[in-house]
Amino acid sequence: MQIRDAEDRDLEGITTIYNDAIEQTTAIWNETIIDVENRRAWLADRRTAGYPVLVAVSDDDKVLGYASFGDWRAWDGYRYTVEHSVYVRSDQRGAGIGKALMEALIGRARDIGKHVMVAGIEAGNTGSIRLHEKLGFERAGLLRQVGTKFGRWLDLAFLQLTLDDRTDPDRPVDK
């Protein structure tokens, strides 16, 4: 397995993983299937913002999973905080792909001077919560019944990882 920046040739695999999560899981709270053009626009938006989209690919270059982050909130005061997403192909879960993607993504966030990474996870997704805790994320809150999917209410757990030890946000990050 290799982790690298996503390219246009990866969009079909990314779209397939995303749509599977829509149809089969509560990891994504959307209910509408998307097409490759949707993911193309999303990838372009991430690139314009200077944010990575990483893919884990097999030896034969098939997308096994992907991860990215974006702004936590749009206002200036949140400029050092990002929220991430990580998705692994259903037949590859539990093989360490999510962890590898997250470790690479955390490094990229640190490299561009981000201070906190936020995870919003459906509270019943214990596998994802455990993975994040193993990576150093701490539970930060729970919002009850803020979403719905598959005919039931969903709770949203927030976890966060502090990426550096800055006490002054205007001080450059030590590398």
Protein backbone atom coordinates (compact mmCIF):
# COMPACT_ATOMS: atom_id res chain seq x y z
CA MET A 1 0.00 0.00 0.00
CA GLN A 2 1.11 3.53 -0.78
CA ILE A 3 -0.29 6.83 0.48
CA ARG A 4 -0.08 9.76 -1.91
CA ASP A 5 -1.91 12.89 -2.99
CA ALA A 6 -5.12 12.16 -4.86
CA GLU A 7 -5.15 12.66 -8.61
CA ASP A 8 -8.00 12.87 -11.09
CA ARG A 9 -7.50 9.19 -11.92
CA ASP A 10 -8.51 8.37 -8.30
CA LEU A 11 -11.89 10.08 -8.48
CA GLU A 12 -13.85 6.99 -9.52
CA GLY A 13 -12.49 5.03 -6.54
CA ILE A 14 -13.11 7.93 -4.15
CA THR A 15 -16.67 8.29 -5.46
CA THR A 16 -17.35 4.57 -5.03
CA ILE A 17 -16.15 4.65 -1.41
CA TYR A 18 -18.14 7.80 -0.68
CA ASN A 19 -21.35 6.37 -2.18
CA ASP A 20 -20.94 3.10 -0.27
CA ALA A 21 -20.69 5.12 2.95
CA ILE A 22 -23.88 6.99 1.98
CA GLU A 23 -25.80 3.81 1.22
CA GLN A 24 -24.48 1.50 3.95
CA THR A 25 -23.23 3.53 6.94
CA THR A 26 -23.88 6.47 9.21
CA ALA A 27 -20.36 7.78 8.61
CA ILE A 28 -21.79 10.28 6.10
CA TRP A 29 -25.13 11.86 6.91
CA ASN A 30 -26.02 12.47 3.28
CA GLU A 31 -28.65 10.34 1.62
CA THR A 32 -28.11 11.33 -2.02
CA ILE A 33 -25.65 9.43 -4.19
CA ILE A 34 -23.09 11.64 -5.94
CA ASP A 35 -21.20 11.36 -9.22
CA VAL A 36 -17.56 11.70 -10.19
CA GLU A 37 -18.09 15.34 -11.21
CA ASN A 38 -19.18 16.12 -7.65
CA ARG A 39 -15.93 14.68 -6.30
CA ARG A 40 -13.95 16.47 -9.04
CA ALA A 41 -15.35 19.81 -7.84
CA TRP A 42 -14.66 18.82 -4.22
CA LEU A 43 -11.05 17.90 -5.06
CA ALA A 44 -10.58 21.20 -6.91
CA ASP A 45 -11.98 23.11 -3.93
CA ARG A 46 -9.60 21.36 -1.54
CA ARG A 47 -6.64 22.08 -3.81
CA THR A 48 -7.63 25.77 -4.12
CA ALA A 49 -7.82 26.03 -0.33
CA GLY A 50 -4.36 24.44 -0.04
CA TYR A 51 -5.70 21.37 1.72
CA PRO A 52 -4.69 17.78 0.94
CA VAL A 53 -6.72 14.88 -0.29
CA LEU A 54 -4.74 11.72 0.34
CA VAL A 55 -5.43 8.27 -1.06
CA ALA A 56 -4.23 4.87 0.04
CA VAL A 57 -3.70 2.75 -3.05
CA SER A 58 -2.92 -0.91 -3.59
CA ASP A 59 0.07 -2.17 -5.53
CA ASP A 60 -2.13 -2.17 -8.65
CA ASP A 61 -3.14 1.47 -7.96
CA LYS A 62 -6.71 0.80 -6.76
CA VAL A 63 -8.05 3.27 -4.18
CA LEU A 64 -8.40 1.56 -0.80
CA GLY A 65 -9.30 4.68 1.17
CA TYR A 66 -8.97 8.43 1.28
CA ALA A 67 -8.69 11.27 3.76
CA SER A 68 -8.81 15.03 3.74
CA PHE A 69 -9.39 18.05 5.93
CA GLY A 70 -10.96 21.43 5.50
CA ASP A 71 -11.81 24.51 7.48
CA TRP A 72 -13.56 23.85 10.78
CA ARG A 73 -15.54 27.08 10.41
CA ALA A 74 -15.26 29.90 7.91
CA TRP A 75 -14.43 32.77 10.29
CA ASP A 76 -10.89 34.07 10.77
CA GLY A 77 -10.74 33.12 14.43
CA TYR A 78 -10.89 29.43 13.49
CA ARG A 79 -8.05 29.60 10.94
CA TYR A 80 -5.80 27.21 12.87
CA THR A 81 -8.46 24.50 13.24
CA VAL A 82 -9.46 21.91 10.65
CA GLU A 83 -12.01 19.11 10.52
CA HIS A 84 -11.06 15.93 8.76
CA SER A 85 -12.70 12.99 7.02
CA VAL A 86 -11.33 9.51 6.49
CA TYR A 87 -13.05 6.69 4.60
CA VAL A 88 -11.86 3.17 3.82
CA ARG A 89 -13.28 0.79 1.24
CA SER A 90 -15.69 -1.60 2.98
CA ASP A 91 -13.66 -4.74 2.17
CA GLN A 92 -10.47 -3.14 3.52
CA ARG A 93 -11.63 -1.90 6.94
CA GLY A 94 -9.65 -3.08 9.94
CA ALA A 95 -6.42 -3.54 7.97
CA GLY A 96 -4.67 -0.38 9.23
CA ILE A 97 -5.48 1.76 6.18
CA GLY A 98 -7.48 4.32 8.15
CA LYS A 99 -4.69 4.66 10.70
CA ALA A 100 -2.04 5.12 8.02
CA LEU A 101 -4.15 7.74 6.24
CA MET A 102 -4.79 9.58 9.51
CA GLU A 103 -1.11 9.62 10.47
CA ALA A 104 -0.22 11.11 7.09
CA LEU A 105 -3.06 13.61 7.30
CA ILE A 106 -2.07 14.73 10.80
CA GLY A 107 1.47 15.31 9.53
CA ARG A 108 0.16 17.43 6.66
CA ALA A 109 -1.94 19.54 9.05
CA ARG A 110 1.10 20.14 11.23
CA ASP A 111 3.20 21.02 8.19
CA ILE A 112 0.87 23.89 7.27
CA GLY A 113 0.68 25.27 10.81
CA LYS A 114 -2.69 24.01 11.98
CA HIS A 115 -3.18 23.81 15.74
CA VAL A 116 -6.23 21.56 16.25
CA MET A 117 -7.83 18.80 14.20
CA VAL A 118 -11.49 18.04 14.91
CA ALA A 119 -13.31 14.77 14.28
CA GLY A 120 -17.10 14.63 14.09
CA ILE A 121 -18.09 10.96 14.37
CA GLU A 122 -21.48 9.29 14.67
CA ALA A 123 -21.49 8.34 18.34
CA GLY A 124 -22.26 4.68 17.66
CA ASN A 125 -19.21 4.26 15.42
CA THR A 126 -17.03 2.79 18.14
CA GLY A 127 -14.39 1.55 15.69
CA SER A 128 -13.72 5.06 14.40
CA ILE A 129 -13.79 6.53 17.90
CA ARG A 130 -11.28 3.94 19.13
CA LEU A 131 -9.00 4.61 16.14
CA HIS A 132 -9.04 8.33 16.85
CA GLU A 133 -8.34 7.81 20.55
CA LYS A 134 -5.36 5.57 19.69
CA LEU A 135 -4.03 8.47 17.60
CA GLY A 136 -4.28 10.85 20.57
CA PHE A 137 -7.67 12.44 19.94
CA GLU A 138 -9.63 13.29 23.07
CA ARG A 139 -13.40 13.36 23.46
CA ALA A 140 -14.59 16.95 23.41
CA GLY A 141 -18.38 16.73 23.39
CA LEU A 142 -21.55 15.01 22.32
CA LEU A 143 -24.48 16.53 20.47
CA ARG A 144 -27.57 14.38 20.88
CA GLN A 145 -30.05 13.70 18.07
CA VAL A 146 -28.62 16.35 15.73
CA GLY A 147 -28.84 14.13 12.65
CA THR A 148 -30.99 11.45 11.12
CA LYS A 149 -30.42 8.58 8.76
CA PHE A 150 -32.02 5.19 8.17
CA GLY A 151 -35.12 6.30 10.10
CA ARG A 152 -33.43 7.06 13.40
CA TRP A 153 -31.83 9.95 15.27
CA LEU A 154 -28.04 10.16 15.33
CA ASP A 155 -25.75 11.60 17.97
CA LEU A 156 -22.54 13.37 16.94
CA ALA A 157 -19.41 12.83 19.02
CA PHE A 158 -16.66 15.42 18.75
CA LEU A 159 -13.03 14.54 19.32
CA GLN A 160 -10.02 16.76 18.94
CA LEU A 161 -6.27 16.48 18.60
CA THR A 162 -3.97 19.35 19.51
CA LEU A 163 -1.25 19.35 16.86
CA ASP A 164 1.38 21.57 18.51
CA ASP A 165 2.22 23.18 21.83
CA ARG A 166 1.87 26.84 20.84
CA THR A 167 0.48 29.12 23.53
CA ASP A 168 0.63 32.14 21.20
CA PRO A 169 -1.34 31.62 17.98
CA ASP A 170 0.75 34.23 16.16
CA ARG A 171 4.03 32.47 16.94
CA PRO A 172 5.35 30.38 14.03
CA VAL A 173 5.25 26.65 14.52
CA ASP A 174 8.57 25.07 15.44
CA LYS A 175 9.51 22.47 12.85
